[in-house]
Amino acid sequence: MMRCPNHLEQYRVAVMGDEGDACNGFLMIKPKGLAVQFSDGGGWEHVSVSRKSKVPSYEDLCWIKDQFWNPRDTVMQLHVPKKDHVNVHPYCLHLWRPTDQEIPRPPGIMVG
């Protein structure tokens, strides 16, 4: 289950629309230069991470994953078919986790 980022409250800039709550909103992590949008709904937990002029690093995504999910949780990036690709921001990456099922994973020996 996604952790609402109450521990990051000092970074909160705005809450999205009328549905905004502790688990739906936008943060600017100024010390790291990250813009973070997060939501839970429709069967998915989602966090998007962007920088102004470059793609977030692997370390950035690991840090964000640790802020929003339990260390035991598996989250994923999706590479959808080109016909379904939407690019609103050129330097934005997304982390996803379904709320109603476990994400299948290959055996550890295959990913290590």
N, C-alpha and C. Protein backbone atom coordinates (compact mmCIF):
# COMPACT_ATOMS: atom_id res chain seq x y z
N MET A 1 0.84 -1.18 0.00
CA MET A 1 0.00 0.00 0.00
C MET A 1 0.88 1.24 0.00
N MET A 2 0.51 2.19 -0.83
CA MET A 2 1.28 3.43 -0.93
C MET A 2 1.20 4.19 0.38
N ARG A 3 2.35 4.68 0.82
CA ARG A 3 2.39 5.52 2.01
C ARG A 3 2.12 6.95 1.59
N CYS A 4 1.17 7.59 2.22
CA CYS A 4 0.95 9.00 1.97
C CYS A 4 2.18 9.75 2.49
N PRO A 5 2.70 10.68 1.73
CA PRO A 5 3.99 11.30 2.09
C PRO A 5 3.89 12.39 3.14
N ASN A 6 3.24 12.08 4.26
CA ASN A 6 3.11 13.09 5.32
C ASN A 6 4.47 13.55 5.82
N HIS A 7 5.46 12.67 5.79
CA HIS A 7 6.81 13.02 6.24
C HIS A 7 7.48 14.00 5.28
N LEU A 8 6.88 14.23 4.09
CA LEU A 8 7.41 15.19 3.12
C LEU A 8 6.53 16.45 3.05
N GLU A 9 5.69 16.64 4.03
CA GLU A 9 4.70 17.73 4.01
C GLU A 9 5.34 19.09 3.78
N GLN A 10 6.55 19.30 4.24
CA GLN A 10 7.20 20.60 4.07
C GLN A 10 7.43 20.93 2.60
N TYR A 11 7.37 19.91 1.72
CA TYR A 11 7.59 20.13 0.29
C TYR A 11 6.29 20.32 -0.49
N ARG A 12 5.15 20.07 0.14
CA ARG A 12 3.88 20.11 -0.59
C ARG A 12 3.65 21.52 -1.14
N VAL A 13 3.34 21.60 -2.44
CA VAL A 13 3.08 22.87 -3.10
C VAL A 13 1.58 23.07 -3.26
N ALA A 14 0.90 22.05 -3.74
CA ALA A 14 -0.54 22.16 -3.99
C ALA A 14 -1.16 20.78 -3.93
N VAL A 15 -2.45 20.76 -3.73
CA VAL A 15 -3.21 19.52 -3.80
C VAL A 15 -4.03 19.57 -5.07
N MET A 16 -4.14 18.46 -5.77
CA MET A 16 -4.84 18.44 -7.05
C MET A 16 -6.34 18.49 -6.87
N GLY A 17 -6.97 19.47 -7.47
CA GLY A 17 -8.43 19.55 -7.59
C GLY A 17 -9.19 19.34 -6.30
N ASP A 18 -10.45 19.04 -6.44
CA ASP A 18 -11.32 18.83 -5.29
C ASP A 18 -11.10 17.48 -4.63
N GLU A 19 -10.48 16.55 -5.36
CA GLU A 19 -10.25 15.22 -4.83
C GLU A 19 -8.97 15.14 -4.01
N GLY A 20 -8.21 16.22 -3.95
CA GLY A 20 -6.93 16.20 -3.26
C GLY A 20 -7.05 15.79 -1.80
N ASP A 21 -6.14 14.94 -1.36
CA ASP A 21 -6.04 14.55 0.03
C ASP A 21 -4.58 14.19 0.29
N ALA A 22 -4.30 13.58 1.41
CA ALA A 22 -2.91 13.29 1.76
C ALA A 22 -2.23 12.34 0.77
N CYS A 23 -3.00 11.57 0.00
CA CYS A 23 -2.41 10.60 -0.94
C CYS A 23 -2.58 11.03 -2.39
N ASN A 24 -2.96 12.26 -2.63
CA ASN A 24 -3.11 12.78 -3.99
C ASN A 24 -2.63 14.22 -3.98
N GLY A 25 -1.55 14.50 -4.69
CA GLY A 25 -1.06 15.86 -4.67
C GLY A 25 0.21 16.05 -5.46
N PHE A 26 0.89 17.14 -5.16
CA PHE A 26 2.09 17.54 -5.89
C PHE A 26 3.11 18.07 -4.89
N LEU A 27 4.35 17.66 -5.07
CA LEU A 27 5.44 18.12 -4.21
C LEU A 27 6.58 18.64 -5.07
N MET A 28 7.28 19.63 -4.58
CA MET A 28 8.56 20.05 -5.16
C MET A 28 9.62 19.72 -4.12
N ILE A 29 10.47 18.77 -4.45
CA ILE A 29 11.57 18.40 -3.55
C ILE A 29 12.77 19.24 -3.97
N LYS A 30 12.79 20.48 -3.50
CA LYS A 30 13.79 21.45 -3.97
C LYS A 30 15.23 21.02 -3.72
N PRO A 31 15.55 20.42 -2.57
CA PRO A 31 16.95 20.02 -2.40
C PRO A 31 17.42 19.02 -3.46
N LYS A 32 16.48 18.24 -4.01
CA LYS A 32 16.83 17.25 -5.02
C LYS A 32 16.45 17.70 -6.43
N GLY A 33 15.73 18.81 -6.56
CA GLY A 33 15.33 19.30 -7.88
C GLY A 33 14.27 18.45 -8.54
N LEU A 34 13.41 17.80 -7.74
CA LEU A 34 12.41 16.89 -8.28
C LEU A 34 11.00 17.45 -8.13
N ALA A 35 10.22 17.33 -9.19
CA ALA A 35 8.78 17.60 -9.13
C ALA A 35 8.10 16.23 -9.05
N VAL A 36 7.19 16.07 -8.08
CA VAL A 36 6.59 14.77 -7.82
C VAL A 36 5.07 14.91 -7.76
N GLN A 37 4.39 14.17 -8.60
CA GLN A 37 2.93 14.13 -8.56
C GLN A 37 2.55 12.72 -8.14
N PHE A 38 1.58 12.58 -7.23
CA PHE A 38 1.24 11.27 -6.71
C PHE A 38 -0.26 11.13 -6.56
N SER A 39 -0.73 9.89 -6.76
CA SER A 39 -2.17 9.62 -6.67
C SER A 39 -2.42 8.16 -6.38
N ASP A 40 -3.59 7.90 -5.84
CA ASP A 40 -4.08 6.53 -5.69
C ASP A 40 -5.55 6.53 -6.05
N GLY A 41 -5.90 5.70 -6.97
CA GLY A 41 -7.29 5.60 -7.40
C GLY A 41 -7.39 4.78 -8.67
N GLY A 42 -8.57 4.31 -8.96
CA GLY A 42 -8.79 3.53 -10.17
C GLY A 42 -8.04 2.22 -10.18
N GLY A 43 -7.70 1.71 -8.99
CA GLY A 43 -6.99 0.44 -8.90
C GLY A 43 -5.48 0.55 -8.99
N TRP A 44 -4.96 1.80 -9.00
CA TRP A 44 -3.51 2.00 -9.14
C TRP A 44 -2.99 3.03 -8.15
N GLU A 45 -1.76 2.80 -7.70
CA GLU A 45 -0.98 3.82 -7.01
C GLU A 45 0.04 4.32 -8.04
N HIS A 46 0.25 5.63 -8.09
CA HIS A 46 1.07 6.20 -9.15
C HIS A 46 1.86 7.38 -8.61
N VAL A 47 3.13 7.43 -8.98
CA VAL A 47 3.98 8.58 -8.68
C VAL A 47 4.74 8.93 -9.95
N SER A 48 4.64 10.19 -10.37
CA SER A 48 5.45 10.66 -11.49
C SER A 48 6.53 11.58 -10.94
N VAL A 49 7.71 11.49 -11.54
CA VAL A 49 8.87 12.23 -11.07
C VAL A 49 9.52 12.90 -12.27
N SER A 50 9.77 14.20 -12.15
CA SER A 50 10.41 14.90 -13.27
C SER A 50 11.42 15.91 -12.75
N ARG A 51 12.29 16.28 -13.66
CA ARG A 51 13.25 17.36 -13.45
C ARG A 51 13.02 18.38 -14.56
N LYS A 52 13.48 19.58 -14.34
CA LYS A 52 13.25 20.66 -15.30
C LYS A 52 13.95 20.42 -16.63
N SER A 53 15.19 19.92 -16.58
CA SER A 53 15.95 19.85 -17.84
C SER A 53 16.67 18.53 -18.07
N LYS A 54 16.36 17.50 -17.29
CA LYS A 54 16.94 16.18 -17.53
C LYS A 54 16.07 15.11 -16.88
N VAL A 55 16.21 13.89 -17.38
CA VAL A 55 15.45 12.76 -16.85
C VAL A 55 15.95 12.42 -15.44
N PRO A 56 15.04 12.12 -14.51
CA PRO A 56 15.49 11.70 -13.17
C PRO A 56 16.39 10.46 -13.27
N SER A 57 17.32 10.36 -12.35
CA SER A 57 18.25 9.24 -12.34
C SER A 57 17.62 8.01 -11.68
N TYR A 58 18.30 6.89 -11.83
CA TYR A 58 17.89 5.66 -11.15
C TYR A 58 17.88 5.89 -9.63
N GLU A 59 18.88 6.61 -9.13
CA GLU A 59 18.93 6.91 -7.69
C GLU A 59 17.74 7.76 -7.26
N ASP A 60 17.33 8.71 -8.11
CA ASP A 60 16.14 9.51 -7.81
C ASP A 60 14.91 8.61 -7.67
N LEU A 61 14.74 7.68 -8.62
CA LEU A 61 13.58 6.78 -8.57
C LEU A 61 13.62 5.89 -7.35
N CYS A 62 14.79 5.41 -6.99
CA CYS A 62 14.92 4.59 -5.78
C CYS A 62 14.53 5.40 -4.53
N TRP A 63 14.98 6.64 -4.46
CA TRP A 63 14.65 7.49 -3.32
C TRP A 63 13.14 7.73 -3.27
N ILE A 64 12.53 8.03 -4.41
CA ILE A 64 11.07 8.25 -4.46
C ILE A 64 10.33 6.98 -4.06
N LYS A 65 10.75 5.83 -4.58
CA LYS A 65 10.11 4.57 -4.21
C LYS A 65 10.13 4.39 -2.70
N ASP A 66 11.26 4.69 -2.08
CA ASP A 66 11.38 4.56 -0.63
C ASP A 66 10.49 5.53 0.14
N GLN A 67 10.19 6.68 -0.44
CA GLN A 67 9.35 7.67 0.23
C GLN A 67 7.87 7.29 0.18
N PHE A 68 7.47 6.58 -0.87
CA PHE A 68 6.04 6.32 -1.09
C PHE A 68 5.61 4.88 -0.83
N TRP A 69 6.55 3.94 -0.84
CA TRP A 69 6.17 2.55 -0.64
C TRP A 69 7.06 1.88 0.39
N ASN A 70 6.54 0.81 0.93
CA ASN A 70 7.26 -0.03 1.88
C ASN A 70 8.42 -0.72 1.16
N PRO A 71 9.53 -0.95 1.83
CA PRO A 71 10.66 -1.63 1.18
C PRO A 71 10.30 -3.00 0.60
N ARG A 72 9.27 -3.66 1.14
CA ARG A 72 8.86 -4.98 0.64
C ARG A 72 7.99 -4.89 -0.62
N ASP A 73 7.49 -3.70 -0.95
CA ASP A 73 6.60 -3.54 -2.10
C ASP A 73 7.37 -3.56 -3.41
N THR A 74 6.76 -4.13 -4.43
CA THR A 74 7.29 -4.07 -5.78
C THR A 74 6.50 -3.02 -6.54
N VAL A 75 7.19 -2.12 -7.19
CA VAL A 75 6.56 -1.13 -8.06
C VAL A 75 7.22 -1.25 -9.43
N MET A 76 6.62 -0.64 -10.45
CA MET A 76 7.14 -0.84 -11.80
C MET A 76 7.06 0.42 -12.64
N GLN A 77 7.91 0.44 -13.66
CA GLN A 77 7.79 1.38 -14.76
C GLN A 77 7.16 0.58 -15.89
N LEU A 78 6.30 1.21 -16.67
CA LEU A 78 5.66 0.53 -17.79
C LEU A 78 6.14 1.12 -19.10
N HIS A 79 6.40 0.26 -20.05
CA HIS A 79 6.72 0.69 -21.40
C HIS A 79 5.58 0.20 -22.28
N VAL A 80 4.63 1.08 -22.51
CA VAL A 80 3.42 0.72 -23.24
C VAL A 80 3.68 0.76 -24.75
N PRO A 81 2.80 0.15 -25.55
CA PRO A 81 2.95 0.23 -27.01
C PRO A 81 2.98 1.70 -27.46
N LYS A 82 3.72 1.98 -28.52
CA LYS A 82 3.85 3.35 -29.00
C LYS A 82 2.51 4.02 -29.24
N LYS A 83 1.53 3.26 -29.71
CA LYS A 83 0.22 3.85 -30.00
C LYS A 83 -0.48 4.36 -28.73
N ASP A 84 -0.07 3.87 -27.57
CA ASP A 84 -0.66 4.27 -26.29
C ASP A 84 0.20 5.26 -25.52
N HIS A 85 1.36 5.63 -26.08
CA HIS A 85 2.30 6.49 -25.38
C HIS A 85 1.79 7.94 -25.36
N VAL A 86 1.82 8.54 -24.19
CA VAL A 86 1.48 9.95 -24.00
C VAL A 86 2.69 10.61 -23.36
N ASN A 87 3.20 11.67 -23.97
CA ASN A 87 4.36 12.37 -23.43
C ASN A 87 3.99 13.81 -23.16
N VAL A 88 3.63 14.10 -21.91
CA VAL A 88 3.25 15.45 -21.52
C VAL A 88 4.47 16.27 -21.12
N HIS A 89 5.49 15.59 -20.59
CA HIS A 89 6.71 16.25 -20.13
C HIS A 89 7.89 15.40 -20.57
N PRO A 90 8.87 15.96 -21.27
CA PRO A 90 9.96 15.15 -21.83
C PRO A 90 10.89 14.54 -20.79
N TYR A 91 10.87 15.02 -19.55
CA TYR A 91 11.81 14.52 -18.54
C TYR A 91 11.08 13.91 -17.35
N CYS A 92 9.99 13.21 -17.62
CA CYS A 92 9.15 12.64 -16.57
C CYS A 92 9.16 11.12 -16.63
N LEU A 93 9.33 10.48 -15.48
CA LEU A 93 9.24 9.03 -15.35
C LEU A 93 8.13 8.70 -14.36
N HIS A 94 7.60 7.49 -14.45
CA HIS A 94 6.46 7.09 -13.63
C HIS A 94 6.73 5.77 -12.92
N LEU A 95 6.23 5.66 -11.71
CA LEU A 95 6.22 4.42 -10.95
C LEU A 95 4.77 4.04 -10.69
N TRP A 96 4.46 2.76 -10.87
CA TRP A 96 3.09 2.27 -10.74
C TRP A 96 3.04 1.03 -9.84
N ARG A 97 1.89 0.87 -9.19
CA ARG A 97 1.64 -0.35 -8.42
C ARG A 97 0.14 -0.60 -8.42
N PRO A 98 -0.31 -1.78 -8.90
CA PRO A 98 -1.73 -2.09 -8.83
C PRO A 98 -2.14 -2.35 -7.39
N THR A 99 -3.37 -2.00 -7.05
CA THR A 99 -3.82 -2.17 -5.66
C THR A 99 -4.56 -3.48 -5.43
N ASP A 100 -4.92 -4.17 -6.51
CA ASP A 100 -5.73 -5.37 -6.34
C ASP A 100 -5.02 -6.67 -6.68
N GLN A 101 -3.71 -6.61 -6.93
CA GLN A 101 -2.96 -7.83 -7.24
C GLN A 101 -1.47 -7.60 -7.03
N GLU A 102 -0.76 -8.70 -6.88
CA GLU A 102 0.70 -8.65 -6.78
C GLU A 102 1.29 -8.53 -8.18
N ILE A 103 2.37 -7.80 -8.31
CA ILE A 103 3.08 -7.71 -9.58
C ILE A 103 3.91 -8.98 -9.72
N PRO A 104 3.72 -9.72 -10.82
CA PRO A 104 4.56 -10.91 -11.01
C PRO A 104 6.01 -10.52 -11.24
N ARG A 105 6.91 -11.33 -10.73
CA ARG A 105 8.34 -11.07 -10.88
C ARG A 105 9.05 -12.33 -11.32
N PRO A 106 10.10 -12.18 -12.11
CA PRO A 106 10.91 -13.35 -12.47
C PRO A 106 11.70 -13.83 -11.25
N PRO A 107 12.23 -15.04 -11.31
CA PRO A 107 13.05 -15.52 -10.20
C PRO A 107 14.22 -14.57 -9.94
N GLY A 108 14.59 -14.43 -8.69
CA GLY A 108 15.65 -13.52 -8.30
C GLY A 108 16.95 -13.72 -9.05
N ILE A 109 17.28 -14.96 -9.36
CA ILE A 109 18.51 -15.28 -10.06
C ILE A 109 18.55 -14.60 -11.45
N MET A 110 17.38 -14.29 -12.00
CA MET A 110 17.30 -13.70 -13.33
C MET A 110 17.42 -12.18 -13.32
N VAL A 111 17.26 -11.57 -12.15
CA VAL A 111 17.28 -10.10 -12.09
C VAL A 111 18.47 -9.56 -11.29
N GLY A 112 19.29 -10.42 -10.75
CA GLY A 112 20.39 -9.99 -9.90
C GLY A 112 21.67 -9.75 -10.62
